[in-house]
């Protein structure tokens, strides 16, 4: 019976020799790769759907809340100029204004809002640009102290520019270290250990295993090897399989090559479980690398999802269960909108209510300052 999945590769026939640990690892890797590929495919399919629903149902609320908060910052300034407040209350109002402005100006692409920047600077001890420059300088000094890099003395316009400088310096140091000969009297680079030589040899053998599987496929599927009397439909199928083999070989995808072997019935499933342990070990090395690459791709998509949509991840997100994150995002925005409404009612209402609210905000700012003073 023709095998149905790639997992059949690792199944031995009844009465076969005992399965070695390498064969067990082979089966485990195949199962884990199959699960990881399903998860990766789910991210590829579900994330665009989530983005579309987010644009339809969440972004309109977000734009409405942003517009209301921006307008509120200017209303607070008018309130500050119009009403009589104590110095402490004026300081609290000014901090509310600058906090709202900074939350917008530190968003990507929003620092060009000249009106908000001017509003911030009218009520802050230091201008926004100066504060950003000092923060970048402090970060540069911390990076230099921790890494011994020299990031230059020139001004840094953005965090992206600072990190680009750091990466460039790291590459330059690595290139310089690689080209610099050992000083006289210094010991030469140590010889490889037997374990390192064995590791290197197994890596070369693993690459050779991928090449050997590909060659066996090409010997059967290459157009020049197809007889003239083969029906056109079968010829087209083999041509398509050869294209898949080429793509899999170019990507070093051993699992895809093994699956193709099953499809063209080049693997005797009754003997697959009896492959030499050394050969299976070589397969395992390649499959483990492929599993790591897939898992890294998944992790990058999870991080991008979290950072793009402001999702706090307490556990790995399930790509098949993203709908609750839409509801949470909408709920947070609506809560922010309600808080803003309560602020306006309190501060634009009777003076006694406004003073109580400002006293509460002053206490919250003091608490925030206490945590800001903690050094890590």
Protein backbone atom coordinates (compact mmCIF):
# COMPACT_ATOMS: atom_id res chain seq x y z
CA UNK A 1 0.00 0.00 0.00
CA UNK A 2 1.36 3.43 -0.92
CA UNK A 3 2.17 5.57 2.13
CA UNK A 4 -0.04 8.59 2.68
CA UNK A 5 2.21 10.90 4.67
CA UNK A 6 5.86 11.69 5.18
CA UNK A 7 5.66 10.10 8.62
CA UNK A 8 5.43 6.66 7.02
CA UNK A 9 9.10 6.98 6.14
CA UNK A 10 10.05 6.04 9.67
CA UNK A 11 7.73 3.04 10.04
CA UNK A 12 9.35 -0.38 10.00
CA UNK A 13 7.70 -3.54 8.73
CA UNK A 14 6.49 -6.27 11.11
CA UNK A 15 9.40 -8.38 12.22
CA UNK A 16 11.96 -5.66 11.50
CA UNK A 17 14.96 -5.12 13.70
CA UNK A 18 14.56 -3.17 16.91
CA UNK A 19 14.26 0.57 16.34
CA UNK A 20 17.37 2.49 17.41
CA UNK A 21 17.33 5.78 19.34
CA UNK A 22 18.25 7.53 16.08
CA UNK A 23 15.16 6.08 14.39
CA UNK A 24 12.99 7.17 17.31
CA UNK A 25 14.43 10.69 17.05
CA UNK A 26 13.77 10.57 13.30
CA UNK A 27 10.09 9.83 13.90
CA UNK A 28 9.91 12.53 16.58
CA UNK A 29 11.49 15.16 14.32
CA UNK A 30 9.14 14.34 11.46
CA UNK A 31 6.11 14.67 13.74
CA UNK A 32 7.36 17.96 15.23
CA UNK A 33 8.15 19.41 11.79
CA UNK A 34 4.69 18.46 10.55
CA UNK A 35 3.09 20.22 13.55
CA UNK A 36 5.35 23.28 13.18
CA UNK A 37 4.55 23.58 9.48
CA UNK A 38 0.84 23.44 10.22
CA UNK A 39 1.27 26.22 12.80
CA UNK A 40 3.33 28.32 10.39
CA UNK A 41 0.75 27.85 7.65
CA UNK A 42 -1.98 28.87 10.09
CA UNK A 43 -0.10 32.13 10.80
CA UNK A 44 0.24 32.77 7.08
CA UNK A 45 -3.49 32.32 6.57
CA UNK A 46 -4.94 33.82 9.74
CA UNK A 47 -2.76 36.92 10.22
CA UNK A 48 -3.99 38.67 7.01
CA UNK A 49 -7.55 37.88 8.11
CA UNK A 50 -6.86 39.35 11.55
CA UNK A 51 -5.32 42.46 9.96
CA UNK A 52 -8.44 42.95 7.83
CA UNK A 53 -10.79 42.57 10.81
CA UNK A 54 -8.59 44.87 12.90
CA UNK A 55 -8.78 47.53 10.20
CA UNK A 56 -12.57 47.19 10.01
CA UNK A 57 -13.48 47.03 13.69
CA UNK A 58 -10.60 48.34 15.83
CA UNK A 59 -8.85 51.05 13.84
CA UNK A 60 -11.99 53.25 13.58
CA UNK A 61 -12.20 53.27 17.40
CA UNK A 62 -8.47 53.95 17.61
CA UNK A 63 -8.70 56.94 15.27
CA UNK A 64 -11.66 58.30 17.21
CA UNK A 65 -9.86 57.98 20.55
CA UNK A 66 -6.64 59.51 19.17
CA UNK A 67 -8.53 62.48 17.78
CA UNK A 68 -10.30 62.98 21.11
CA UNK A 69 -7.06 62.76 23.12
CA UNK A 70 -5.28 65.18 20.80
CA UNK A 71 -8.12 67.69 21.09
CA UNK A 72 -8.18 67.20 24.85
CA UNK A 73 -4.52 68.25 25.14
CA UNK A 74 -5.38 71.62 23.61
CA UNK A 75 -8.51 71.92 25.78
CA UNK A 76 -6.35 71.38 28.86
CA UNK A 77 -4.15 74.27 27.81
CA UNK A 78 -7.17 76.55 27.49
CA UNK A 79 -8.39 75.40 30.90
CA UNK A 80 -4.97 76.13 32.39
CA UNK A 81 -4.98 79.65 30.94
CA UNK A 82 -8.59 80.40 31.75
CA UNK A 83 -9.09 79.11 35.30
CA UNK A 84 -7.29 80.00 38.51
CA UNK A 85 -5.30 77.08 39.91
CA UNK A 86 -2.61 76.72 42.51
CA UNK A 87 0.98 76.18 41.42
CA UNK A 88 0.73 72.46 42.20
CA UNK A 89 -2.46 72.18 40.19
CA UNK A 90 -0.91 74.09 37.28
CA UNK A 91 2.07 71.72 37.34
CA UNK A 92 -0.26 68.72 37.24
CA UNK A 93 -2.20 70.14 34.30
CA UNK A 94 1.04 70.91 32.47
CA UNK A 95 2.22 67.35 33.02
CA UNK A 96 -1.05 65.96 31.71
CA UNK A 97 -0.59 68.06 28.56
CA UNK A 98 3.03 67.02 28.00
CA UNK A 99 2.23 63.35 28.69
CA UNK A 100 -0.48 63.31 26.03
CA UNK A 101 1.78 65.10 23.54
CA UNK A 102 4.73 62.77 24.23
CA UNK A 103 2.59 59.67 23.77
CA UNK A 104 1.78 60.87 20.24
CA UNK A 105 5.21 62.27 19.36
CA UNK A 106 7.06 59.07 20.31
CA UNK A 107 4.89 57.05 17.93
CA UNK A 108 6.62 56.18 14.65
CA UNK A 109 6.22 59.00 12.15
CA UNK A 110 4.30 61.25 14.55
CA UNK A 111 7.21 63.46 15.67
CA UNK A 112 6.56 65.72 12.67
CA UNK A 113 3.33 67.01 14.25
CA UNK A 114 4.51 70.59 14.70
CA UNK A 115 1.41 71.72 16.62
CA UNK A 116 1.71 68.97 19.22
CA UNK A 117 5.45 69.54 19.56
CA UNK A 118 4.88 73.25 20.12
CA UNK A 119 2.16 72.49 22.69
CA UNK A 120 4.52 70.13 24.50
CA UNK A 121 7.35 72.65 24.53
CA UNK A 122 5.13 75.42 25.93
CA UNK A 123 4.49 73.39 29.08
CA UNK A 124 7.65 71.31 29.51
CA UNK A 125 10.88 72.25 31.24
CA UNK A 126 12.76 71.05 28.15
CA UNK A 127 11.77 70.88 24.50
CA UNK A 128 10.75 67.53 23.07
CA UNK A 129 13.67 67.38 20.63
CA UNK A 130 16.13 68.12 23.43
CA UNK A 131 14.60 65.43 25.65
CA UNK A 132 14.84 62.87 22.82
CA UNK A 133 18.46 63.84 22.12
CA UNK A 134 19.37 63.39 25.80
CA UNK A 135 17.61 60.02 25.94
CA UNK A 136 19.49 58.83 22.85
CA UNK A 137 22.79 60.09 24.27
CA UNK A 138 22.17 58.21 27.53
CA UNK A 139 21.35 55.06 25.59
CA UNK A 140 24.49 55.48 23.47
CA UNK A 141 26.62 55.76 26.61
CA UNK A 142 25.04 52.61 28.09
CA UNK A 143 25.67 50.65 24.89
CA UNK A 144 29.28 51.83 24.70
CA UNK A 145 29.89 50.93 28.35
CA UNK A 146 28.38 47.48 27.97
CA UNK A 147 29.96 46.55 24.62
CA UNK A 148 33.21 48.60 24.31
CA UNK A 149 31.91 49.94 21.00
CA UNK A 150 32.71 53.45 19.79
CA UNK A 151 29.51 54.90 18.37
CA UNK A 152 31.05 58.24 17.45
CA UNK A 153 30.57 61.75 18.75
CA UNK A 154 28.16 63.07 16.12
CA UNK A 155 24.49 63.66 16.89
CA UNK A 156 22.06 60.77 16.56
CA UNK A 157 18.70 61.58 15.00
CA UNK A 158 16.80 58.42 15.92
CA UNK A 159 16.94 55.08 17.73
CA UNK A 160 17.16 53.29 14.36
CA UNK A 161 20.26 55.31 13.46
CA UNK A 162 21.87 54.52 16.83
CA UNK A 163 21.26 50.78 16.47
CA UNK A 164 22.56 50.88 12.88
CA UNK A 165 25.79 52.45 14.15
CA UNK A 166 26.11 49.72 16.78
CA UNK A 167 25.63 46.94 14.22
CA UNK A 168 28.15 48.56 11.86
CA UNK A 169 30.74 48.83 14.64
CA UNK A 170 30.20 45.20 15.64
CA UNK A 171 30.76 44.05 12.05
CA UNK A 172 33.89 46.22 11.77
CA UNK A 173 35.32 44.77 14.99
CA UNK A 174 34.58 41.22 13.86
CA UNK A 175 36.26 41.82 10.47
CA UNK A 176 39.30 43.40 12.14
CA UNK A 177 39.66 40.51 14.58
CA UNK A 178 39.40 37.97 11.77
CA UNK A 179 42.14 39.69 9.70
CA UNK A 180 44.55 40.48 12.54
CA UNK A 181 47.33 37.86 12.98
CA UNK A 182 48.19 36.57 16.40
CA UNK A 183 50.83 38.76 18.14
CA UNK A 184 54.31 37.23 18.55
CA UNK A 185 54.55 35.07 21.60
CA UNK A 186 50.80 34.48 21.71
CA UNK A 187 49.64 30.86 21.44
CA UNK A 188 48.31 29.78 18.10
CA UNK A 189 44.70 29.03 17.66
CA UNK A 190 44.02 25.74 19.38
CA UNK A 191 43.56 22.58 17.38
CA UNK A 192 40.13 21.13 16.93
CA UNK A 193 39.17 18.45 19.39
CA UNK A 194 38.11 14.99 18.22
CA UNK A 195 34.48 15.86 19.08
CA UNK A 196 34.66 19.07 17.01
CA UNK A 197 36.18 17.19 14.06
CA UNK A 198 33.46 14.56 14.33
CA UNK A 199 30.81 17.30 14.50
CA UNK A 200 32.23 18.94 11.39
CA UNK A 201 32.38 15.61 9.55
CA UNK A 202 28.76 14.80 10.46
CA UNK A 203 27.67 18.22 9.21
CA UNK A 204 29.36 17.53 5.88
CA UNK A 205 27.75 14.08 5.75
CA UNK A 206 24.33 15.61 6.43
CA UNK A 207 24.78 17.96 3.48
CA UNK A 208 25.88 14.98 1.40
CA UNK A 209 22.71 13.11 2.44
CA UNK A 210 20.54 15.88 1.01
CA UNK A 211 22.58 15.78 -2.19
CA UNK A 212 22.27 12.00 -2.48
CA UNK A 213 18.49 12.01 -2.04
CA UNK A 214 18.23 14.73 -4.69
CA UNK A 215 20.41 12.81 -7.14
CA UNK A 216 18.24 9.70 -6.79
CA UNK A 217 15.16 11.79 -7.51
CA UNK A 218 16.77 13.52 -10.48
CA UNK A 219 17.79 10.15 -11.94
CA UNK A 220 14.11 9.21 -12.14
CA UNK A 221 12.36 12.54 -12.71
CA UNK A 222 14.70 14.45 -15.03
CA UNK A 223 13.03 15.08 -18.45
CA UNK A 224 15.98 13.47 -20.26
CA UNK A 225 15.34 10.21 -18.38
CA UNK A 226 11.67 9.95 -19.35
CA UNK A 227 11.01 7.46 -22.18
CA UNK A 228 9.43 8.72 -25.35
CA UNK A 229 6.38 6.46 -25.00
CA UNK A 230 5.44 7.81 -21.55
CA UNK A 231 1.95 9.41 -21.67
CA UNK A 232 1.85 13.21 -21.70
CA UNK A 233 -0.02 13.32 -18.36
CA UNK A 234 2.67 11.28 -16.59
CA UNK A 235 5.40 13.32 -18.25
CA UNK A 236 3.79 16.53 -16.95
CA UNK A 237 3.49 15.05 -13.44
CA UNK A 238 7.17 14.07 -13.39
CA UNK A 239 8.18 17.49 -14.67
CA UNK A 240 6.23 19.09 -11.83
CA UNK A 241 7.86 16.74 -9.32
CA UNK A 242 11.29 17.58 -10.71
CA UNK A 243 10.55 21.27 -10.19
CA UNK A 244 9.57 20.50 -6.57
CA UNK A 245 12.80 18.55 -6.11
CA UNK A 246 14.85 21.44 -7.48
CA UNK A 247 13.17 23.89 -5.12
CA UNK A 248 13.59 21.56 -2.13
CA UNK A 249 17.27 20.94 -2.93
CA UNK A 250 17.93 24.68 -3.31
CA UNK A 251 16.35 25.23 0.13
CA UNK A 252 18.13 22.23 1.67
CA UNK A 253 14.68 20.84 2.58
CA UNK A 254 15.38 17.18 3.32
CA UNK A 255 11.83 16.44 4.45
CA UNK A 256 10.40 17.66 1.15
CA UNK A 257 12.89 15.50 -0.76
CA UNK A 258 12.05 12.43 1.33
CA UNK A 259 8.35 13.06 0.78
CA UNK A 260 8.93 13.20 -2.96
CA UNK A 261 10.77 9.89 -2.73
CA UNK A 262 7.65 8.41 -1.20
CA UNK A 263 5.50 9.85 -3.98
CA UNK A 264 7.59 8.26 -6.73
CA UNK A 265 7.85 5.01 -4.69
CA UNK A 266 11.61 5.04 -4.41
CA UNK A 267 11.53 4.20 -0.71
CA UNK A 268 10.57 0.69 0.31
CA UNK A 269 8.47 1.44 3.36
CA UNK A 270 8.97 -2.08 4.64
CA UNK A 271 12.71 -1.37 4.88
CA UNK A 272 12.61 2.31 5.82
CA UNK A 273 12.81 1.55 9.52
CA UNK A 274 15.93 -0.50 8.92
CA UNK A 275 18.03 2.32 7.42
CA UNK A 276 21.49 2.46 8.90
CA UNK A 277 21.60 4.44 12.12
CA UNK A 278 24.48 6.52 10.76
CA UNK A 279 22.39 7.55 7.76
CA UNK A 280 19.39 8.33 9.96
CA UNK A 281 21.69 10.40 12.21
CA UNK A 282 22.66 12.48 9.18
CA UNK A 283 18.99 12.92 8.31
CA UNK A 284 18.27 13.95 11.89
CA UNK A 285 20.88 16.69 11.79
CA UNK A 286 19.30 18.28 8.70
CA UNK A 287 15.75 17.83 9.99
CA UNK A 288 16.67 19.41 13.33
CA UNK A 289 18.06 22.46 11.52
CA UNK A 290 14.88 22.70 9.45
CA UNK A 291 12.74 22.46 12.57
CA UNK A 292 14.76 25.28 14.17
CA UNK A 293 14.27 27.47 11.10
CA UNK A 294 10.50 26.88 11.08
CA UNK A 295 10.22 27.58 14.80
CA UNK A 296 12.26 30.77 14.39
CA UNK A 297 9.93 31.89 11.59
CA UNK A 298 6.94 31.24 13.86
CA UNK A 299 8.56 33.13 16.74
CA UNK A 300 9.23 36.14 14.50
CA UNK A 301 5.59 36.18 13.38
CA UNK A 302 4.40 35.96 17.00
CA UNK A 303 6.67 38.87 17.99
CA UNK A 304 5.53 40.93 14.99
CA UNK A 305 1.89 40.24 15.89
CA UNK A 306 2.49 41.32 19.50
CA UNK A 307 4.40 44.52 18.63
CA UNK A 308 2.18 45.57 15.72
CA UNK A 309 -1.11 45.24 17.59
CA UNK A 310 0.11 45.98 21.12
CA UNK A 311 -0.78 42.52 22.40
CA UNK A 312 0.78 41.53 25.73
CA UNK A 313 1.69 37.86 25.40
CA UNK A 314 1.51 35.86 28.62
CA UNK A 315 1.69 32.69 26.56
CA UNK A 316 2.23 31.80 22.91
CA UNK A 317 -0.68 33.06 20.78
CA UNK A 318 -2.66 30.44 18.88
CA UNK A 319 -3.05 31.57 15.25
CA UNK A 320 -6.41 29.80 15.14
CA UNK A 321 -7.68 31.79 18.15
CA UNK A 322 -6.90 35.42 17.36
CA UNK A 323 -10.48 36.73 17.63
CA UNK A 324 -10.27 37.36 21.42
CA UNK A 325 -7.32 39.70 20.80
CA UNK A 326 -9.60 41.85 18.62
CA UNK A 327 -12.14 42.06 21.42
CA UNK A 328 -9.44 42.92 23.96
CA UNK A 329 -8.03 45.69 21.74
CA UNK A 330 -11.48 47.20 21.23
CA UNK A 331 -12.24 46.93 24.96
CA UNK A 332 -9.00 48.73 25.91
CA UNK A 333 -9.75 51.57 23.52
CA UNK A 334 -13.32 51.93 24.72
CA UNK A 335 -12.07 51.98 28.32
CA UNK A 336 -9.60 54.73 27.38
CA UNK A 337 -12.41 56.65 25.72
CA UNK A 338 -14.54 56.40 28.86
CA UNK A 339 -11.64 57.53 31.06
CA UNK A 340 -11.18 60.54 28.81
CA UNK A 341 -14.87 61.36 29.11
CA UNK A 342 -14.61 61.16 32.91
CA UNK A 343 -11.60 63.50 32.87
CA UNK A 344 -13.45 66.07 30.81
CA UNK A 345 -16.50 65.91 33.07
CA UNK A 346 -14.39 66.35 36.18
CA UNK A 347 -12.10 69.12 34.96
CA UNK A 348 -14.70 71.07 33.01
CA UNK A 349 -17.29 70.79 35.76
CA UNK A 350 -17.46 72.63 39.06
CA UNK A 351 -14.13 73.83 40.54
CA UNK A 352 -14.35 71.54 43.57
CA UNK A 353 -14.62 68.47 41.33
CA UNK A 354 -11.71 69.67 39.18
CA UNK A 355 -9.48 70.18 42.23
CA UNK A 356 -10.26 66.68 43.55
CA UNK A 357 -9.37 65.18 40.17
CA UNK A 358 -6.13 67.14 39.94
CA UNK A 359 -5.15 66.03 43.45
CA UNK A 360 -5.69 62.41 42.40
CA UNK A 361 -3.61 62.90 39.25
CA UNK A 362 -0.84 64.55 41.29
CA UNK A 363 -0.69 61.47 43.53
CA UNK A 364 -0.48 59.18 40.50
CA UNK A 365 2.37 61.23 39.03
CA UNK A 366 4.29 61.06 42.32
CA UNK A 367 3.93 57.28 42.31
CA UNK A 368 5.18 57.12 38.72
CA UNK A 369 8.18 59.28 39.61
CA UNK A 370 9.04 56.97 42.49
CA UNK A 371 9.32 54.01 40.09
CA UNK A 372 11.20 56.08 37.51
CA UNK A 373 13.94 56.71 40.09
CA UNK A 374 14.67 52.98 40.41
CA UNK A 375 17.91 52.10 38.61
CA UNK A 376 18.48 48.69 37.06
